[in-house]
Amino acid sequence: MPAETEPSTPSTPSTAVDSRELIRLEQVTKRFGDNTVLDHLDFSVDTGKHVTLIGPSGSGKTTILRLLMTLTKPDEGTITVDGERLFPAPEKQVREVRKKIGMVFQQFNLFPNMKVLRNITEAPVTVLGLSKDEAEARARELLELVGLTEHIDKYPTQLSGGQQQRVAIARALAMRPQVLLLDEVTSALDPELVAGVLDVLRDIARSTDITMLCVTHEMNFARDISDQVLMFDSGRVIESGPPEKLFGDPDHERTREFLSAVL
């Protein structure tokens, strides 16, 4: 295997090459009552790769992200991140592994009582122990990346939905995660705001070596940024492949049905 590479800072152009497995789910099962959302799921994501999960609502895509964020726990199976067990594992280890993962949610989840700058610096200072000056320097760099430098002293309520989501992206990147999880990040936005947020994410995908795991119904975006696309149905991966194959000539009839409905 190629040598392990360190993740770059979010605004540093990537020169990394495919290196190693970063995320692995083995025989992961998740049930909610009588509903089996994930059914003995196996899949992995390599460092620096952009993997998109597509499929109908209720097929288990967002549940995978919630498991990686430790917002819920699997009923069976194991989850490993960067060679360390995330589940099952002692709580102290879970907290340390969790620091390697950032997530941008459907809703922006910004702190309404904090201005943009503090929204981005709060976690690096309190969780990572960065100095205020270092955290603010990182925040300013990221606000430039997402095109919001002039809004640094505003409260979230003074921003549009698209601007709030870009702050949320900067906040996730401020923790310097090895993997960024994106959960339908444009679904709460007005249609005219979607393009701006997707353009920011395209820039991040093209200019950094951060690993991305994305759930989206924006198929053109998935086609643009993905190294691999996984089609989910009933808690299982029924087909996977590079976007040109999966979108252009899918093998599975269920994939063809899904794509004909959303494209």
C-alpha atoms as a PDB file:
ATOM      1  CA  MET A   1       0.000   0.000   0.000  1.00  0.00           C
ATOM      2  CA  PRO A   2       1.217   3.566  -0.593  1.00  0.00           C
ATOM      3  CA  ALA A   3       2.543   5.474   2.368  1.00  0.00           C
ATOM      4  CA  GLU A   4       0.072   7.212   4.653  1.00  0.00           C
ATOM      5  CA  THR A   5      -0.399  10.890   3.926  1.00  0.00           C
ATOM      6  CA  GLU A   6      -1.356  13.608   6.366  1.00  0.00           C
ATOM      7  CA  PRO A   7      -4.593  15.458   5.587  1.00  0.00           C
ATOM      8  CA  SER A   8      -3.967  18.919   4.204  1.00  0.00           C
ATOM      9  CA  THR A   9      -5.455  22.081   5.600  1.00  0.00           C
ATOM     10  CA  PRO A  10      -8.795  22.811   3.953  1.00  0.00           C
ATOM     11  CA  SER A  11      -7.470  25.560   1.675  1.00  0.00           C
ATOM     12  CA  THR A  12      -4.309  23.766   0.604  1.00  0.00           C
ATOM     13  CA  PRO A  13      -4.364  22.276  -2.901  1.00  0.00           C
ATOM     14  CA  SER A  14      -4.167  18.516  -2.784  1.00  0.00           C
ATOM     15  CA  THR A  15      -1.140  16.647  -3.994  1.00  0.00           C
ATOM     16  CA  ALA A  16      -2.062  13.450  -2.165  1.00  0.00           C
ATOM     17  CA  VAL A  17      -2.598  10.144  -3.873  1.00  0.00           C
ATOM     18  CA  ASP A  18      -4.852   7.268  -2.918  1.00  0.00           C
ATOM     19  CA  SER A  19      -3.332   5.797   0.209  1.00  0.00           C
ATOM     20  CA  ARG A  20      -5.344   3.613   2.525  1.00  0.00           C
ATOM     21  CA  GLU A  21      -8.694   2.717   4.005  1.00  0.00           C
ATOM     22  CA  LEU A  22     -10.070   5.387   6.325  1.00  0.00           C
ATOM     23  CA  ILE A  23     -13.588   4.182   7.172  1.00  0.00           C
ATOM     24  CA  ARG A  24     -14.847   0.618   7.414  1.00  0.00           C
ATOM     25  CA  LEU A  25     -18.289  -0.684   8.342  1.00  0.00           C
ATOM     26  CA  GLU A  26     -18.503  -4.441   8.829  1.00  0.00           C
ATOM     27  CA  GLN A  27     -21.799  -6.299   9.144  1.00  0.00           C
ATOM     28  CA  VAL A  28     -23.472  -3.171  10.523  1.00  0.00           C
ATOM     29  CA  THR A  29     -27.134  -3.584  11.343  1.00  0.00           C
ATOM     30  CA  LYS A  30     -29.425  -0.858  12.647  1.00  0.00           C
ATOM     31  CA  ARG A  31     -33.072  -1.316  13.556  1.00  0.00           C
ATOM     32  CA  PHE A  32     -35.730   1.127  14.633  1.00  0.00           C
ATOM     33  CA  GLY A  33     -38.425  -1.043  16.137  1.00  0.00           C
ATOM     34  CA  ASP A  34     -39.401  -3.622  13.539  1.00  0.00           C
ATOM     35  CA  ASN A  35     -37.791  -1.614  10.742  1.00  0.00           C
ATOM     36  CA  THR A  36     -34.303  -2.759   9.716  1.00  0.00           C
ATOM     37  CA  VAL A  37     -32.688   0.376   8.293  1.00  0.00           C
ATOM     38  CA  LEU A  38     -29.232  -1.137   7.721  1.00  0.00           C
ATOM     39  CA  ASP A  39     -28.982  -4.852   7.072  1.00  0.00           C
ATOM     40  CA  HIS A  40     -25.523  -6.372   7.732  1.00  0.00           C
ATOM     41  CA  LEU A  41     -23.894  -3.586   5.766  1.00  0.00           C
ATOM     42  CA  ASP A  42     -20.279  -3.815   4.606  1.00  0.00           C
ATOM     43  CA  PHE A  43     -18.486  -0.942   2.934  1.00  0.00           C
ATOM     44  CA  SER A  44     -15.335   1.152   3.174  1.00  0.00           C
ATOM     45  CA  VAL A  45     -13.995   4.552   2.137  1.00  0.00           C
ATOM     46  CA  ASP A  46     -10.339   5.264   1.320  1.00  0.00           C
ATOM     47  CA  THR A  47      -8.484   8.408   2.313  1.00  0.00           C
ATOM     48  CA  GLY A  48      -8.935  11.358   0.002  1.00  0.00           C
ATOM     49  CA  LYS A  49     -11.882   9.810  -1.809  1.00  0.00           C
ATOM     50  CA  HIS A  50     -15.260  11.430  -2.393  1.00  0.00           C
ATOM     51  CA  VAL A  51     -18.017   8.856  -2.001  1.00  0.00           C
ATOM     52  CA  THR A  52     -21.681   9.682  -2.567  1.00  0.00           C
ATOM     53  CA  LEU A  53     -24.612   7.645  -1.281  1.00  0.00           C
ATOM     54  CA  ILE A  54     -27.772   7.770  -3.354  1.00  0.00           C
ATOM     55  CA  GLY A  55     -31.072   5.964  -3.150  1.00  0.00           C
ATOM     56  CA  PRO A  56     -34.685   6.423  -2.089  1.00  0.00           C
ATOM     57  CA  SER A  57     -35.655   8.016   1.219  1.00  0.00           C
ATOM     58  CA  GLY A  58     -35.528   5.501   4.047  1.00  0.00           C
ATOM     59  CA  SER A  59     -32.839   3.355   2.426  1.00  0.00           C
ATOM     60  CA  GLY A  60     -30.346   3.940   5.258  1.00  0.00           C
ATOM     61  CA  LYS A  61     -28.062   6.621   3.819  1.00  0.00           C
ATOM     62  CA  THR A  62     -28.384   9.252   6.548  1.00  0.00           C
ATOM     63  CA  THR A  63     -28.284   6.563   9.231  1.00  0.00           C
ATOM     64  CA  ILE A  64     -24.724   5.748   8.140  1.00  0.00           C
ATOM     65  CA  LEU A  65     -23.679   9.349   8.708  1.00  0.00           C
ATOM     66  CA  ARG A  66     -25.416   9.441  12.091  1.00  0.00           C
ATOM     67  CA  LEU A  67     -23.584   6.276  13.126  1.00  0.00           C
ATOM     68  CA  LEU A  68     -20.241   7.800  12.167  1.00  0.00           C
ATOM     69  CA  MET A  69     -21.120  10.926  14.151  1.00  0.00           C
ATOM     70  CA  THR A  70     -22.083   8.688  17.118  1.00  0.00           C
ATOM     71  CA  LEU A  71     -25.546  10.259  17.158  1.00  0.00           C
ATOM     72  CA  THR A  72     -26.892   6.720  17.198  1.00  0.00           C
ATOM     73  CA  LYS A  73     -25.363   3.288  17.709  1.00  0.00           C
ATOM     74  CA  PRO A  74     -25.573   0.150  15.575  1.00  0.00           C
ATOM     75  CA  ASP A  75     -27.319  -2.915  16.928  1.00  0.00           C
ATOM     76  CA  GLU A  76     -24.689  -5.192  15.429  1.00  0.00           C
ATOM     77  CA  GLY A  77     -21.368  -4.936  13.621  1.00  0.00           C
ATOM     78  CA  THR A  78     -18.217  -2.836  13.905  1.00  0.00           C
ATOM     79  CA  ILE A  79     -17.207   0.627  12.697  1.00  0.00           C
ATOM     80  CA  THR A  80     -13.541   1.600  12.313  1.00  0.00           C
ATOM     81  CA  VAL A  81     -12.107   5.035  11.490  1.00  0.00           C
ATOM     82  CA  ASP A  82      -8.418   5.512  10.666  1.00  0.00           C
ATOM     83  CA  GLY A  83      -7.576   2.091  12.081  1.00  0.00           C
ATOM     84  CA  GLU A  84      -9.293   2.772  15.417  1.00  0.00           C
ATOM     85  CA  ARG A  85     -12.547   1.259  16.587  1.00  0.00           C
ATOM     86  CA  LEU A  86     -15.451   3.689  16.803  1.00  0.00           C
ATOM     87  CA  PHE A  87     -17.960   1.014  17.747  1.00  0.00           C
ATOM     88  CA  PRO A  88     -17.876  -0.943  19.922  1.00  0.00           C
ATOM     89  CA  ALA A  89     -15.263   0.986  21.932  1.00  0.00           C
ATOM     90  CA  PRO A  90     -14.765   2.665  25.327  1.00  0.00           C
ATOM     91  CA  GLU A  91     -16.264   6.149  25.586  1.00  0.00           C
ATOM     92  CA  LYS A  92     -12.868   7.847  25.820  1.00  0.00           C
ATOM     93  CA  GLN A  93     -11.753   6.205  22.572  1.00  0.00           C
ATOM     94  CA  VAL A  94     -15.044   7.105  20.893  1.00  0.00           C
ATOM     95  CA  ARG A  95     -14.494  10.784  21.759  1.00  0.00           C
ATOM     96  CA  GLU A  96     -10.973  10.751  20.323  1.00  0.00           C
ATOM     97  CA  VAL A  97     -11.975   8.988  17.103  1.00  0.00           C
ATOM     98  CA  ARG A  98     -14.987  11.274  16.746  1.00  0.00           C
ATOM     99  CA  LYS A  99     -12.625  14.287  16.491  1.00  0.00           C
ATOM    100  CA  LYS A 100     -11.510  12.975  13.109  1.00  0.00           C
ATOM    101  CA  ILE A 101     -15.001  13.420  11.676  1.00  0.00           C
ATOM    102  CA  GLY A 102     -16.865  16.600  10.736  1.00  0.00           C
ATOM    103  CA  MET A 103     -20.439  16.859   9.561  1.00  0.00           C
ATOM    104  CA  VAL A 104     -22.616  19.410   7.800  1.00  0.00           C
ATOM    105  CA  PHE A 105     -26.307  18.800   8.475  1.00  0.00           C
ATOM    106  CA  GLN A 106     -29.485  19.510   6.518  1.00  0.00           C
ATOM    107  CA  GLN A 107     -30.301  22.239   9.021  1.00  0.00           C
ATOM    108  CA  PHE A 108     -27.490  24.665   9.724  1.00  0.00           C
ATOM    109  CA  ASN A 109     -27.424  24.172  13.538  1.00  0.00           C
ATOM    110  CA  LEU A 110     -25.497  27.390  14.119  1.00  0.00           C
ATOM    111  CA  PHE A 111     -25.446  28.942  17.592  1.00  0.00           C
ATOM    112  CA  PRO A 112     -27.934  31.839  17.256  1.00  0.00           C
ATOM    113  CA  ASN A 113     -26.389  33.811  20.148  1.00  0.00           C
ATOM    114  CA  MET A 114     -22.885  33.750  18.615  1.00  0.00           C
ATOM    115  CA  LYS A 115     -21.567  35.792  15.727  1.00  0.00           C
ATOM    116  CA  VAL A 116     -20.135  34.036  12.682  1.00  0.00           C
ATOM    117  CA  LEU A 117     -16.550  34.175  13.927  1.00  0.00           C
ATOM    118  CA  ARG A 118     -17.316  32.588  17.282  1.00  0.00           C
ATOM    119  CA  ASN A 119     -19.552  29.962  15.684  1.00  0.00           C
ATOM    120  CA  ILE A 120     -16.439  28.767  13.876  1.00  0.00           C
ATOM    121  CA  THR A 121     -13.890  29.188  16.689  1.00  0.00           C
ATOM    122  CA  GLU A 122     -15.882  27.786  19.609  1.00  0.00           C
ATOM    123  CA  ALA A 123     -15.191  24.091  19.008  1.00  0.00           C
ATOM    124  CA  PRO A 124     -11.502  24.414  18.033  1.00  0.00           C
ATOM    125  CA  VAL A 125     -10.887  26.341  21.271  1.00  0.00           C
ATOM    126  CA  THR A 126     -12.979  24.194  23.625  1.00  0.00           C
ATOM    127  CA  VAL A 127     -12.460  20.760  22.061  1.00  0.00           C
ATOM    128  CA  LEU A 128      -9.041  20.973  20.405  1.00  0.00           C
ATOM    129  CA  GLY A 129      -7.497  23.429  22.839  1.00  0.00           C
ATOM    130  CA  LEU A 130      -6.431  25.960  20.204  1.00  0.00           C
ATOM    131  CA  SER A 131      -5.577  29.448  21.345  1.00  0.00           C
ATOM    132  CA  LYS A 132      -8.114  32.131  20.501  1.00  0.00           C
ATOM    133  CA  ASP A 133      -5.676  33.752  18.052  1.00  0.00           C
ATOM    134  CA  GLU A 134      -4.957  30.483  16.253  1.00  0.00           C
ATOM    135  CA  ALA A 135      -8.639  29.582  16.065  1.00  0.00           C
ATOM    136  CA  GLU A 136      -9.529  33.012  14.698  1.00  0.00           C
ATOM    137  CA  ALA A 137      -6.788  32.861  12.080  1.00  0.00           C
ATOM    138  CA  ARG A 138      -8.120  29.482  10.963  1.00  0.00           C
ATOM    139  CA  ALA A 139     -11.689  30.842  10.907  1.00  0.00           C
ATOM    140  CA  ARG A 140     -10.734  33.829   8.758  1.00  0.00           C
ATOM    141  CA  GLU A 141      -8.984  31.546   6.288  1.00  0.00           C
ATOM    142  CA  LEU A 142     -12.063  29.353   6.025  1.00  0.00           C
ATOM    143  CA  LEU A 143     -14.456  32.284   5.709  1.00  0.00           C
ATOM    144  CA  GLU A 144     -12.401  33.428   2.747  1.00  0.00           C
ATOM    145  CA  LEU A 145     -12.660  29.916   1.301  1.00  0.00           C
ATOM    146  CA  VAL A 146     -16.475  29.949   1.533  1.00  0.00           C
ATOM    147  CA  GLY A 147     -16.771  33.577   0.429  1.00  0.00           C
ATOM    148  CA  LEU A 148     -18.090  35.113   3.653  1.00  0.00           C
ATOM    149  CA  THR A 149     -15.261  37.286   4.940  1.00  0.00           C
ATOM    150  CA  GLU A 150     -17.441  40.383   5.025  1.00  0.00           C
ATOM    151  CA  HIS A 151     -20.008  38.653   7.275  1.00  0.00           C
ATOM    152  CA  ILE A 152     -17.603  37.726  10.073  1.00  0.00           C
ATOM    153  CA  ASP A 153     -19.321  39.949  12.693  1.00  0.00           C
ATOM    154  CA  LYS A 154     -22.921  39.072  11.857  1.00  0.00           C
ATOM    155  CA  TYR A 155     -25.286  36.809  13.748  1.00  0.00           C
ATOM    156  CA  PRO A 156     -26.819  33.809  11.925  1.00  0.00           C
ATOM    157  CA  THR A 157     -30.228  35.495  11.749  1.00  0.00           C
ATOM    158  CA  GLN A 158     -28.649  38.256   9.667  1.00  0.00           C
ATOM    159  CA  LEU A 159     -27.585  35.769   6.990  1.00  0.00           C
ATOM    160  CA  SER A 160     -29.464  34.004   4.226  1.00  0.00           C
ATOM    161  CA  GLY A 161     -29.933  30.247   4.396  1.00  0.00           C
ATOM    162  CA  GLY A 162     -27.181  29.711   1.855  1.00  0.00           C
ATOM    163  CA  GLN A 163     -24.801  31.899   3.823  1.00  0.00           C
ATOM    164  CA  GLN A 164     -25.642  30.061   7.050  1.00  0.00           C
ATOM    165  CA  GLN A 165     -24.910  26.737   5.385  1.00  0.00           C
ATOM    166  CA  ARG A 166     -21.552  28.031   4.173  1.00  0.00           C
ATOM    167  CA  VAL A 167     -20.747  29.077   7.754  1.00  0.00           C
ATOM    168  CA  ALA A 168     -21.683  25.550   8.825  1.00  0.00           C
ATOM    169  CA  ILE A 169     -19.258  24.147   6.243  1.00  0.00           C
ATOM    170  CA  ALA A 170     -16.488  26.431   7.533  1.00  0.00           C
ATOM    171  CA  ARG A 171     -17.280  25.412  11.108  1.00  0.00           C
ATOM    172  CA  ALA A 172     -16.957  21.720  10.248  1.00  0.00           C
ATOM    173  CA  LEU A 173     -13.658  22.298   8.428  1.00  0.00           C
ATOM    174  CA  ALA A 174     -12.269  24.352  11.337  1.00  0.00           C
ATOM    175  CA  MET A 175     -11.855  21.127  13.300  1.00  0.00           C
ATOM    176  CA  ARG A 176      -9.493  19.859  10.589  1.00  0.00           C
ATOM    177  CA  PRO A 177     -11.365  16.560  10.249  1.00  0.00           C
ATOM    178  CA  GLN A 178      -9.986  13.713   8.181  1.00  0.00           C
ATOM    179  CA  VAL A 179     -13.453  13.031   6.818  1.00  0.00           C
ATOM    180  CA  LEU A 180     -16.311  15.423   6.085  1.00  0.00           C
ATOM    181  CA  LEU A 181     -19.859  14.066   6.167  1.00  0.00           C
ATOM    182  CA  LEU A 182     -22.465  15.927   4.111  1.00  0.00           C
ATOM    183  CA  ASP A 183     -26.117  15.147   4.806  1.00  0.00           C
ATOM    184  CA  GLU A 184     -28.413  16.629   2.162  1.00  0.00           C
ATOM    185  CA  VAL A 185     -26.817  20.002   2.812  1.00  0.00           C
ATOM    186  CA  THR A 186     -28.987  21.851   0.280  1.00  0.00           C
ATOM    187  CA  SER A 187     -32.363  20.316   1.128  1.00  0.00           C
ATOM    188  CA  ALA A 188     -33.368  23.170   3.476  1.00  0.00           C
ATOM    189  CA  LEU A 189     -32.369  25.904   1.027  1.00  0.00           C
ATOM    190  CA  ASP A 190     -34.439  27.892  -1.407  1.00  0.00           C
ATOM    191  CA  PRO A 191     -33.655  26.734  -4.967  1.00  0.00           C
ATOM    192  CA  GLU A 192     -31.798  29.918  -5.901  1.00  0.00           C
ATOM    193  CA  LEU A 193     -29.360  29.404  -2.994  1.00  0.00           C
ATOM    194  CA  VAL A 194     -28.459  25.799  -3.796  1.00  0.00           C
ATOM    195  CA  ALA A 195     -25.926  26.521  -6.540  1.00  0.00           C
ATOM    196  CA  GLY A 196     -23.737  28.737  -4.336  1.00  0.00           C
ATOM    197  CA  VAL A 197     -23.403  26.109  -1.615  1.00  0.00           C
ATOM    198  CA  LEU A 198     -22.696  23.340  -4.118  1.00  0.00           C
ATOM    199  CA  ASP A 199     -20.037  25.491  -5.784  1.00  0.00           C
ATOM    200  CA  VAL A 200     -18.274  25.898  -2.414  1.00  0.00           C
ATOM    201  CA  LEU A 201     -18.321  22.143  -1.889  1.00  0.00           C
ATOM    202  CA  ARG A 202     -17.016  21.552  -5.415  1.00  0.00           C
ATOM    203  CA  ASP A 203     -14.116  23.905  -4.667  1.00  0.00           C
ATOM    204  CA  ILE A 204     -13.339  22.023  -1.436  1.00  0.00           C
ATOM    205  CA  ALA A 205     -13.505  18.682  -3.231  1.00  0.00           C
ATOM    206  CA  ARG A 206     -11.168  19.849  -6.008  1.00  0.00           C
ATOM    207  CA  SER A 207      -8.658  21.829  -3.945  1.00  0.00           C
ATOM    208  CA  THR A 208      -8.174  19.654  -0.849  1.00  0.00           C
ATOM    209  CA  ASP A 209      -7.475  16.030  -0.029  1.00  0.00           C
ATOM    210  CA  ILE A 210     -10.180  15.779   2.626  1.00  0.00           C
ATOM    211  CA  THR A 211     -12.237  12.590   2.460  1.00  0.00           C
ATOM    212  CA  MET A 212     -15.929  13.248   1.774  1.00  0.00           C
ATOM    213  CA  LEU A 213     -18.927  11.023   2.382  1.00  0.00           C
ATOM    214  CA  CYS A 214     -22.010  12.648   0.923  1.00  0.00           C
ATOM    215  CA  VAL A 215     -25.735  11.929   0.974  1.00  0.00           C
ATOM    216  CA  THR A 216     -27.521  13.946  -1.689  1.00  0.00           C
ATOM    217  CA  HIS A 217     -30.361  14.031  -4.175  1.00  0.00           C
ATOM    218  CA  GLU A 218     -28.389  16.506  -6.309  1.00  0.00           C
ATOM    219  CA  MET A 219     -27.340  14.023  -8.973  1.00  0.00           C
ATOM    220  CA  ASN A 220     -25.329  16.461 -11.089  1.00  0.00           C
ATOM    221  CA  PHE A 221     -23.328  17.412  -8.001  1.00  0.00           C
ATOM    222  CA  ALA A 222     -22.773  13.733  -7.217  1.00  0.00           C
ATOM    223  CA  ARG A 223     -21.593  13.145 -10.771  1.00  0.00           C
ATOM    224  CA  ASP A 224     -19.184  16.093 -10.558  1.00  0.00           C
ATOM    225  CA  ILE A 225     -17.436  15.445  -7.244  1.00  0.00           C
ATOM    226  CA  SER A 226     -17.585  11.685  -6.686  1.00  0.00           C
ATOM    227  CA  ASP A 227     -14.885   9.098  -7.102  1.00  0.00           C
ATOM    228  CA  GLN A 228     -17.430   6.421  -6.263  1.00  0.00           C
ATOM    229  CA  VAL A 229     -21.229   6.336  -6.029  1.00  0.00           C
ATOM    230  CA  LEU A 230     -23.125   3.772  -3.951  1.00  0.00           C
ATOM    231  CA  MET A 231     -26.757   2.981  -4.668  1.00  0.00           C
ATOM    232  CA  PHE A 232     -28.707   2.011  -1.542  1.00  0.00           C
ATOM    233  CA  ASP A 233     -31.996   0.196  -1.287  1.00  0.00           C
ATOM    234  CA  SER A 234     -33.544  -1.411   1.808  1.00  0.00           C
ATOM    235  CA  GLY A 235     -30.435  -0.978   3.932  1.00  0.00           C
ATOM    236  CA  ARG A 236     -27.983  -2.529   1.507  1.00  0.00           C
ATOM    237  CA  VAL A 237     -25.623  -1.387  -1.243  1.00  0.00           C
ATOM    238  CA  ILE A 238     -27.085  -2.883  -4.380  1.00  0.00           C
ATOM    239  CA  GLU A 239     -24.634  -1.274  -6.821  1.00  0.00           C
ATOM    240  CA  SER A 240     -21.475   0.811  -6.712  1.00  0.00           C
ATOM    241  CA  GLY A 241     -19.059   2.251  -9.194  1.00  0.00           C
ATOM    242  CA  PRO A 242     -17.540   5.418 -10.649  1.00  0.00           C
ATOM    243  CA  PRO A 243     -20.135   8.081 -11.497  1.00  0.00           C
ATOM    244  CA  GLU A 244     -19.740   7.756 -15.245  1.00  0.00           C
ATOM    245  CA  LYS A 245     -20.652   4.057 -14.991  1.00  0.00           C
ATOM    246  CA  LEU A 246     -23.383   4.245 -12.373  1.00  0.00           C
ATOM    247  CA  PHE A 247     -25.147   7.244 -13.912  1.00  0.00           C
ATOM    248  CA  GLY A 248     -24.435   6.342 -17.518  1.00  0.00           C
ATOM    249  CA  ASP A 249     -24.894   2.578 -17.627  1.00  0.00           C
ATOM    250  CA  PRO A 250     -26.122   1.111 -14.309  1.00  0.00           C
ATOM    251  CA  ASP A 251     -26.290  -2.654 -14.007  1.00  0.00           C
ATOM    252  CA  HIS A 252     -29.142  -2.972 -11.518  1.00  0.00           C
ATOM    253  CA  GLU A 253     -32.757  -2.482 -12.536  1.00  0.00           C
ATOM    254  CA  ARG A 254     -33.539  -0.755  -9.208  1.00  0.00           C
ATOM    255  CA  THR A 255     -30.774   1.769  -9.909  1.00  0.00           C
ATOM    256  CA  ARG A 256     -32.182   2.464 -13.359  1.00  0.00           C
ATOM    257  CA  GLU A 257     -35.647   2.971 -11.867  1.00  0.00           C
ATOM    258  CA  PHE A 258     -34.354   5.362  -9.228  1.00  0.00           C
ATOM    259  CA  LEU A 259     -32.281   7.418 -11.639  1.00  0.00           C
ATOM    260  CA  SER A 260     -35.114   7.686 -14.150  1.00  0.00           C
ATOM    261  CA  ALA A 261     -37.241   9.206 -11.379  1.00  0.00           C
ATOM    262  CA  VAL A 262     -34.683  11.772 -10.164  1.00  0.00           C
ATOM    263  CA  LEU A 263     -32.766  12.784 -13.290  1.00  0.00           C
END
